[in-house]
Amino acid sequence: MKEYVIATDDTCDMPESFYEEHQIPYVSLSCTVNGETFDKEHKVDSHQFYEWMRAGAMPTTSQANSEDIKKCWLPYVEKGIDILYLGFSSGLSGSVNSGRIAAQELMEEYPEITIRVVDSLCASMGEGLLLYYAVKMKEEGKSMQEVGDFLEENKLYLCHVFTVDDLFHLHRGGRVSKLSAIVGTMAGIKPMLHVDDEGHLILLSKVRGRKKALAELVRMMDERIGSWKDKNQTIFISHGDCEKDARMVADLVREKYGIEDIHIHPVGATIGAHAGPGTVALFFLGDKR
């Protein structure tokens, strides 16, 4: 079996230790806040980033470009190693298209190399959970074609349900409409969202109060999990500097489903710039998104 690596981008919101342990090259989408730009080489402290946002800072982000992606992949290509790239949802960024451009150019220059690009149609640790399963399969000895086929066949079973404190940040970044943002700023109203089959963020409903919103995430999980309920799956939860709330959701999931393999990690700056502080997101496999 030909040697290959799984590559991705930092919108997976996975811990740096995961990339290092499993030798996963990744590209970085940059985030600029208070006049300073952060990326994989110049990381921002997660708590400090959300404190800036709470104080009124309005971060901006930039997608990965094809030249940066080629630079990330070139050391592997030059050694004759194939690449399976899992990219950030095309419904939210042009980064995966940059990956396609980079792949085409490198394969023209190195015709013995195969680079496969998979549009995850996922975001944050939804993309991260898909990456987790891909890495597990690779380390079990599956080929690049087998892992790539698994990703394409199962990515629409990767469910994302999440709540934010308000929708201002998502509206500012063009992720939700002005009307949705107005609804999200009503006193005490907490919007409930998901990522649809096209990889877009969709406002589904609203509830009154934070605790109800966190409980609603698990109810939304119950609507979607279906036949995956008894498959002893791994659950990911990401949060915008509100770990206590994320742990509350984890406790509710354990209580309802008996699932113990739950991983919690902060939402990174690129996603956090659009979701804002107070975001809590729950990721799992289900019958439908």
Protein backbone atom coordinates (compact mmCIF):
# COMPACT_ATOMS: atom_id res chain seq x y z
CA MET A 1 0.00 0.00 0.00
CA LYS A 2 1.39 3.39 -1.00
CA GLU A 3 2.31 5.72 1.84
CA TYR A 4 -0.01 8.65 2.47
CA VAL A 5 -0.77 11.32 5.03
CA ILE A 6 -4.07 12.80 6.12
CA ALA A 7 -3.94 16.60 5.98
CA THR A 8 -6.47 19.17 7.14
CA ASP A 9 -6.87 22.76 8.33
CA ASP A 10 -7.09 24.31 11.78
CA THR A 11 -10.84 24.95 11.57
CA CYS A 12 -11.10 21.40 12.96
CA ASP A 13 -10.51 23.01 16.38
CA MET A 14 -8.54 19.95 17.48
CA PRO A 15 -5.83 20.18 20.16
CA GLU A 16 -2.33 20.78 18.85
CA SER A 17 -1.31 17.54 20.55
CA PHE A 18 -3.64 15.58 18.24
CA TYR A 19 -1.95 16.90 15.10
CA GLU A 20 1.47 16.19 16.59
CA GLU A 21 0.67 12.69 17.87
CA HIS A 22 -0.81 11.55 14.56
CA GLN A 23 1.60 13.52 12.33
CA ILE A 24 -1.13 15.49 10.56
CA PRO A 25 0.01 18.47 8.49
CA TYR A 26 -2.48 21.29 8.59
CA VAL A 27 -2.92 24.70 7.04
CA SER A 28 -4.08 27.70 8.99
CA LEU A 29 -6.84 30.20 8.31
CA SER A 30 -5.64 33.48 9.78
CA CYS A 31 -7.55 35.68 12.20
CA THR A 32 -6.87 39.38 12.79
CA VAL A 33 -7.98 41.10 15.99
CA ASN A 34 -6.93 44.43 17.48
CA GLY A 35 -4.53 44.90 14.56
CA GLU A 36 -2.66 41.66 15.21
CA THR A 37 -2.84 38.58 12.97
CA PHE A 38 -2.80 35.07 14.42
CA ASP A 39 -2.23 31.72 12.71
CA LYS A 40 -0.48 28.39 13.36
CA GLU A 41 2.88 30.13 13.72
CA HIS A 42 1.52 32.92 15.93
CA LYS A 43 -1.17 31.46 18.15
CA VAL A 44 -3.59 33.42 20.29
CA ASP A 45 -4.56 32.43 23.83
CA SER A 46 -8.16 31.21 23.67
CA HIS A 47 -9.40 32.95 26.81
CA GLN A 48 -7.72 36.22 25.87
CA PHE A 49 -9.26 36.08 22.40
CA TYR A 50 -12.80 35.81 23.77
CA GLU A 51 -12.11 38.49 26.35
CA TRP A 52 -11.22 40.83 23.50
CA MET A 53 -14.49 39.97 21.81
CA ARG A 54 -16.43 40.56 25.02
CA ALA A 55 -14.77 43.98 25.20
CA GLY A 56 -16.03 44.82 21.71
CA ALA A 57 -13.25 43.65 19.39
CA MET A 58 -14.47 42.48 15.98
CA PRO A 59 -12.04 39.93 14.52
CA THR A 60 -11.74 39.23 10.81
CA THR A 61 -10.62 36.00 9.17
CA SER A 62 -8.96 34.99 5.90
CA GLN A 63 -9.27 31.67 4.10
CA ALA A 64 -6.30 29.48 3.30
CA ASN A 65 -4.82 30.20 -0.14
CA SER A 66 -3.46 27.65 -2.57
CA GLU A 67 0.17 28.77 -2.18
CA ASP A 68 0.08 28.29 1.59
CA ILE A 69 -1.48 24.86 1.11
CA LYS A 70 1.16 23.84 -1.45
CA LYS A 71 3.88 24.97 0.97
CA CYS A 72 2.34 22.77 3.68
CA TRP A 73 2.11 19.73 1.41
CA LEU A 74 5.34 20.04 -0.55
CA PRO A 75 7.62 18.24 1.97
CA TYR A 76 5.42 15.13 1.64
CA VAL A 77 4.98 15.37 -2.12
CA GLU A 78 8.75 15.63 -2.62
CA LYS A 79 9.14 12.34 -0.72
CA GLY A 80 6.57 10.60 -2.92
CA ILE A 81 3.88 10.53 -0.21
CA ASP A 82 0.23 10.82 -1.29
CA ILE A 83 -2.14 13.22 0.50
CA LEU A 84 -5.74 12.92 1.63
CA TYR A 85 -6.96 16.42 2.47
CA LEU A 86 -10.06 16.96 4.61
CA GLY A 87 -11.13 20.58 4.19
CA PHE A 88 -13.38 23.10 5.93
CA SER A 89 -16.96 23.21 4.60
CA SER A 90 -17.34 24.82 1.18
CA GLY A 91 -20.61 26.25 2.51
CA LEU A 92 -18.60 28.50 4.85
CA SER A 93 -15.23 29.13 3.19
CA GLY A 94 -13.37 28.94 -0.10
CA SER A 95 -10.46 27.14 1.58
CA VAL A 96 -11.36 23.70 0.23
CA ASN A 97 -11.37 25.10 -3.29
CA SER A 98 -7.90 26.48 -2.63
CA GLY A 99 -7.00 22.91 -1.69
CA ARG A 100 -8.32 21.65 -5.03
CA ILE A 101 -6.23 24.23 -6.89
CA ALA A 102 -3.13 23.28 -4.88
CA ALA A 103 -3.76 19.58 -5.51
CA GLN A 104 -4.14 20.05 -9.25
CA GLU A 105 -0.98 22.13 -9.55
CA LEU A 106 1.11 19.73 -7.46
CA MET A 107 -0.13 16.65 -9.33
CA GLU A 108 0.78 18.30 -12.62
CA GLU A 109 4.28 18.95 -11.30
CA TYR A 110 4.57 15.54 -9.59
CA PRO A 111 2.51 13.13 -11.74
CA GLU A 112 3.42 10.12 -9.59
CA ILE A 113 1.57 11.70 -6.64
CA THR A 114 -2.14 11.38 -5.82
CA ILE A 115 -3.84 14.12 -3.78
CA ARG A 116 -7.48 13.59 -2.88
CA VAL A 117 -9.51 16.53 -1.59
CA VAL A 118 -12.62 15.90 0.52
CA ASP A 119 -15.03 18.74 1.23
CA SER A 120 -16.05 17.87 4.78
CA LEU A 121 -19.22 20.02 4.71
CA CYS A 122 -18.38 20.29 8.42
CA ALA A 123 -17.14 22.97 10.79
CA SER A 124 -15.22 23.17 14.06
CA MET A 125 -15.05 19.85 15.89
CA GLY A 126 -17.58 18.38 13.47
CA GLU A 127 -14.74 18.48 10.96
CA GLY A 128 -12.52 17.37 13.82
CA LEU A 129 -14.66 14.33 14.57
CA LEU A 130 -14.61 13.32 10.91
CA LEU A 131 -10.82 13.72 11.02
CA TYR A 132 -10.70 11.59 14.19
CA TYR A 133 -12.45 8.69 12.45
CA ALA A 134 -10.26 9.04 9.37
CA VAL A 135 -7.06 8.93 11.42
CA LYS A 136 -8.33 5.90 13.33
CA MET A 137 -8.98 4.05 10.07
CA LYS A 138 -5.56 4.96 8.67
CA GLU A 139 -3.85 3.70 11.81
CA GLU A 140 -5.82 0.46 11.50
CA GLY A 141 -4.18 -0.04 8.10
CA LYS A 142 -6.88 1.25 5.73
CA SER A 143 -5.76 2.62 2.38
CA MET A 144 -6.18 6.22 1.27
CA GLN A 145 -8.98 5.18 -1.06
CA GLU A 146 -10.79 3.33 1.73
CA VAL A 147 -10.51 6.28 4.12
CA GLY A 148 -11.46 8.81 1.46
CA ASP A 149 -14.49 6.74 0.45
CA PHE A 150 -15.53 6.47 4.10
CA LEU A 151 -15.37 10.25 4.49
CA GLU A 152 -17.47 10.87 1.38
CA GLU A 153 -20.02 8.23 2.33
CA ASN A 154 -20.43 9.28 5.96
CA LYS A 155 -19.85 13.04 6.17
CA LEU A 156 -23.57 13.84 5.99
CA TYR A 157 -24.13 11.66 9.06
CA LEU A 158 -21.88 14.02 11.05
CA CYS A 159 -24.38 16.11 13.00
CA HIS A 160 -23.68 19.60 14.36
CA VAL A 161 -26.07 21.23 16.83
CA PHE A 162 -25.07 24.40 18.64
CA THR A 163 -26.20 27.49 20.44
CA VAL A 164 -24.69 30.98 20.62
CA ASP A 165 -25.31 33.85 23.00
CA ASP A 166 -26.47 36.00 20.09
CA LEU A 167 -26.22 35.99 16.31
CA PHE A 168 -24.45 39.32 15.84
CA HIS A 169 -21.08 37.77 15.05
CA LEU A 170 -22.52 35.26 12.59
CA HIS A 171 -24.46 38.01 10.82
CA ARG A 172 -21.40 40.29 10.67
CA GLY A 173 -19.50 37.53 8.91
CA GLY A 174 -22.35 36.90 6.48
CA ARG A 175 -23.20 33.50 7.96
CA VAL A 176 -26.83 34.29 8.88
CA SER A 177 -29.36 36.88 7.72
CA LYS A 178 -30.09 40.22 9.37
CA LEU A 179 -33.53 38.97 10.41
CA SER A 180 -32.02 35.95 12.13
CA ALA A 181 -29.55 38.20 13.93
CA ILE A 182 -32.35 40.42 15.21
CA VAL A 183 -34.15 37.36 16.56
CA GLY A 184 -30.94 36.26 18.23
CA THR A 185 -30.51 39.50 20.15
CA MET A 186 -33.92 39.46 21.82
CA ALA A 187 -33.60 39.51 25.61
CA GLY A 188 -33.20 36.03 27.03
CA ILE A 189 -33.67 34.32 23.66
CA LYS A 190 -31.01 31.78 22.73
CA PRO A 191 -30.84 30.68 19.09
CA MET A 192 -30.40 26.99 18.20
CA LEU A 193 -28.56 26.22 14.97
CA HIS A 194 -27.15 23.36 12.94
CA VAL A 195 -25.06 22.74 9.83
CA ASP A 196 -27.12 21.46 6.90
CA ASP A 197 -26.28 19.04 4.08
CA GLU A 198 -24.71 21.85 2.04
CA GLY A 199 -22.45 22.82 4.93
CA HIS A 200 -24.30 26.06 5.74
CA LEU A 201 -25.23 27.36 9.18
CA ILE A 202 -29.01 27.29 9.66
CA LEU A 203 -31.09 28.85 12.44
CA LEU A 204 -33.61 26.20 13.50
CA SER A 205 -35.34 27.52 16.59
CA LYS A 206 -34.97 29.63 19.70
CA VAL A 207 -35.46 28.98 23.39
CA ARG A 208 -35.58 31.24 26.40
CA GLY A 209 -32.68 30.97 28.82
CA ARG A 210 -29.19 29.51 28.79
CA LYS A 211 -29.89 26.29 30.71
CA LYS A 212 -32.80 25.48 28.43
CA ALA A 213 -30.59 26.07 25.41
CA LEU A 214 -27.95 23.65 26.69
CA ALA A 215 -30.60 21.01 27.39
CA GLU A 216 -32.08 21.65 23.95
CA LEU A 217 -28.78 20.57 22.36
CA VAL A 218 -29.29 17.08 23.78
CA ARG A 219 -32.93 17.03 22.68
CA MET A 220 -31.77 17.98 19.18
CA MET A 221 -29.25 15.14 19.38
CA ASP A 222 -32.07 12.78 20.27
CA GLU A 223 -33.93 13.82 17.11
CA ARG A 224 -30.95 12.95 14.93
CA ILE A 225 -28.99 10.11 16.46
CA GLY A 226 -31.39 7.33 15.39
CA SER A 227 -29.68 4.02 14.60
CA TRP A 228 -26.31 5.34 15.77
CA LYS A 229 -27.48 5.47 19.39
CA ASP A 230 -26.18 2.04 20.34
CA LYS A 231 -22.91 2.14 18.39
CA ASN A 232 -20.72 3.30 21.30
CA GLN A 233 -19.60 6.37 19.44
CA THR A 234 -17.27 9.21 20.35
CA ILE A 235 -18.78 12.65 21.07
CA PHE A 236 -17.04 16.00 20.61
CA ILE A 237 -18.11 19.26 22.25
CA SER A 238 -16.57 22.66 21.51
CA HIS A 239 -17.11 25.93 23.35
CA GLY A 240 -16.41 29.64 23.14
CA ASP A 241 -14.66 30.15 26.49
CA CYS A 242 -17.47 28.55 28.53
CA GLU A 243 -16.11 25.17 29.53
CA LYS A 244 -18.51 24.82 32.47
CA ASP A 245 -21.47 24.91 30.08
CA ALA A 246 -19.77 22.41 27.75
CA ARG A 247 -19.28 20.05 30.69
CA MET A 248 -22.94 20.41 31.61
CA VAL A 249 -23.88 19.26 28.09
CA ALA A 250 -21.42 16.35 28.42
CA ASP A 251 -23.09 15.29 31.67
CA LEU A 252 -26.51 15.38 30.01
CA VAL A 253 -25.22 13.21 27.14
CA ARG A 254 -23.72 10.71 29.56
CA GLU A 255 -26.93 10.57 31.56
CA LYS A 256 -29.13 10.02 28.51
CA TYR A 257 -26.97 7.70 26.39
CA GLY A 258 -24.33 6.28 28.71
CA ILE A 259 -21.60 7.56 26.36
CA GLU A 260 -18.31 8.07 28.17
CA ASP A 261 -15.94 8.90 25.31
CA ILE A 262 -16.57 12.65 25.21
CA HIS A 263 -13.90 15.19 24.20
CA ILE A 264 -14.19 18.91 25.02
CA HIS A 265 -12.07 21.64 23.47
CA PRO A 266 -12.33 25.41 22.89
CA VAL A 267 -13.53 26.81 19.57
CA GLY A 268 -10.47 28.25 17.83
CA ALA A 269 -10.10 31.85 16.73
CA THR A 270 -11.12 31.33 13.10
CA ILE A 271 -14.50 29.82 13.97
CA GLY A 272 -14.82 31.78 17.21
CA ALA A 273 -14.51 35.09 15.34
CA HIS A 274 -17.88 34.31 13.74
CA ALA A 275 -19.63 32.40 16.54
CA GLY A 276 -18.55 34.55 19.48
CA PRO A 277 -18.06 33.86 23.19
CA GLY A 278 -20.63 31.62 24.82
CA THR A 279 -20.92 29.22 21.89
CA VAL A 280 -21.53 25.57 22.78
CA ALA A 281 -21.57 22.96 20.00
CA LEU A 282 -22.29 19.22 20.12
CA PHE A 283 -21.02 16.83 17.42
CA PHE A 284 -22.01 13.19 16.88
CA LEU A 285 -23.01 10.66 14.23
CA GLY A 286 -26.71 10.39 13.48
CA ASP A 287 -29.19 9.26 10.81
CA LYS A 288 -29.62 12.80 9.53
CA ARG A 289 -28.20 16.24 10.06
